[in-house]
Structures are given as C-alpha cells and as structure tokens.
Amino acid sequence: MPASLSVPSSSSSSSSMLRDLPVLLVAVVWGSSFLAVQRVAEPGTVVAMLVLRFGLVLPLLGAVAWPALRRLTRAEWFGGAGLGLGLSGIFLLETYGAVHTSATNAGLIISLAMVLTPLGESALRRTPPPRAFLAAAGLAVLGVALLTGDGGLRPPTLGDLLILGAALVRSAYVLATARARAVRDTDTLAITWIQLATATSVFAVVALSVGPAPWTLARSYGAAQWAWLLHLSLFCTLFAFFVQTWAVRASSPSRVSLLLGTEPLWAAVFGITIAGNRMGPLALLGGALVLVATEWGRRTAPAPDRAPAPSTGAEPSPQSVPA
C-alpha cells in the first residue's frame, strides 16, 4: 500500500484539530457555566436570572430561525413546545442545584446523565444493557457517593439532589426527543428556538410569584455580574448551539459527543481554581471515578436502534442540552 494512504497527511491532521477546537471550547464554557450561575444567581433570584439569560438569546436566534419558523406546521409547534417544557424543568433543577452545591459537584453529578440515558433506553426496549455498561453505572454511583459525602457518611446536600434530579430529567428529555415524531424532520434552528421560547415563557410565569422581577434583578447587577450573565447567554447557550450545529455536520456525532464529554472535567477545574472548592482525598477519588465511569459507560452503552433526529444542534445526547 502506498505510504500516502497509510500515513495521515499533516493538512488532514490540522483540519481535524481545527474542527475539534471549537467543540472543545464549548465543553470548556459549559464547564464554567456552573461557576457563572453562582456569580449571578442566589436561591431567591434563580428564576429571574433564567428569564434574563434566555431573553437575551431569543431575539438573536429568532432572527436567524425566522424563515424556518414560518414554515412549521401546528404539530411541529406543539411538539417543540412539549420538549421545551421538559427543558424548563432541566434548567430549573440544574440552576437551583448549582446555587446550593459546589461548581465541582454540580459538573460531575450532571455527567451521570450519560449513564442514565442508556439505562432508560434499555428499559424502553425491554432488553438488558451489556454487563460492562452495568459495571460502569455501578462505578458511577460509587463515585457520586464518595464525591457528595467527601468520603464520610454525610447525606448529599440539597444542591446535590437537585443536580441529580436534573440529570434524571435530562435523560428523560433526550429519550423523548429521540422519539418525538412531530419534530423528527424539523429544522434544527426552528425547533431549538421553540424549545427555548417555551422554557423562557415558563420562567416568566413562575417569576410572577417567585423572587424579584427580572428587570429589578437586571438593575441590581454590576458590571461583573452582567459579564457573567452575558457569558451564560452568548457563550454557554448561543455560541455552544451554533458550534454543535456546525460540528456534527463537519465531524461525526460520536466525535462531538466525546469532546463534549470533557465538560465535567472543566467544571472541576473552574470550581477548584476559581471558586476555591476544596475536596478531600476520597472526594477526589469519587470525582475521578465519575469521570472514568461516564466515559466507560459511553463506550459500552447499547447502540441506538436508529440515528436520532437532531433537536439542539447535535444528536440527542446528555451533552446536547445547553448547560
């Protein structure tokens, strides 16, 4: 065989690196999102902050998606709105959880969705998952127990439980998205806008009776808080969505998923270096076990029956939900 066919060219390697770099950057900004949430929200202002976060994104995304939105059927609108209700539950649980626990714990626990989703898939198929995957799931549970208890017998905090709930809802959302016939062939931009608009509407209604009004919270923010909020809106949501849309077409869903799977690692990096999170030896071991287990679970998970339809810019996967 000619050498040119057996050795990748430098231009090919460079091109692959250029495609991977933006996706890796998405994982980095998603890892920072838990810390960003703690900088702009408190338990009493979570809902108002979510209205601001997505209210800033909707006009920009809507301007691009408008031609596709005009072509949607009523069934597609209702299908997207139904998924948006699930998305609102994810963000409420995840954001409330993030302000009640450490950024490191939040990023690592939410990664369990990568293990929970294939378990749900197997339950729906009524077929047992591979033994290697079950072993990975057990290792993940052990890792979370060590992480949240810091090696002791302390029960998990409220924030830890809320993040775990978010991981469960994420998994249900991914499974529902993969089976939503009404939106299976719908334009990605359009269906994502509908989901985010629905979630924002839910937050706006809840904000009427919970916490301050969004505009009141906006007036109270200083320059630093506005910078963190814009980071959440423009980078963790808008930028991440567009990069996924581009990357899954330029690369492969599996490669994109692998790169996005580094999110919990970056969450730990930001939590320890910037937020000053402290972890004991057993908690560090637990965090490492979660990372190993989720990657092992990703590699040994049962293959899907079909290629799922895109909903947020990539194949439905735990990582495709903006952090």
Foldseek 3Di string as FASTA:
>chain_A
DDPPVVDDDPVVVVVVVVLLVLLLVLLLLLLCLLVLLLLQDALQCQLLLLLVQLVVQLVVLCVVCVVQLVPADPLLLVLLLVLLVLLLLLSVLLSSLSNFDFLLLLLLLLLCLLLVLLVVVCVVVVHDADPLSVVLNVLLVVLNCCQQQLNDDDDGTPSNVSSNVSSNSLSVSLVCQLVRPSCQPGDQSNSQSSSSVSSSVVSQVVCVPTHHHSVVSVVPDDPVSVVSSCSCRVRLAVSNLVSLLVSCVVDNLVSSVVSSLCNSVSNNVCRCPPVVDDGHPSSVVSSVSSSVSSVSNNVRRDDDPDQGGDHRRGGRGSSSSRD
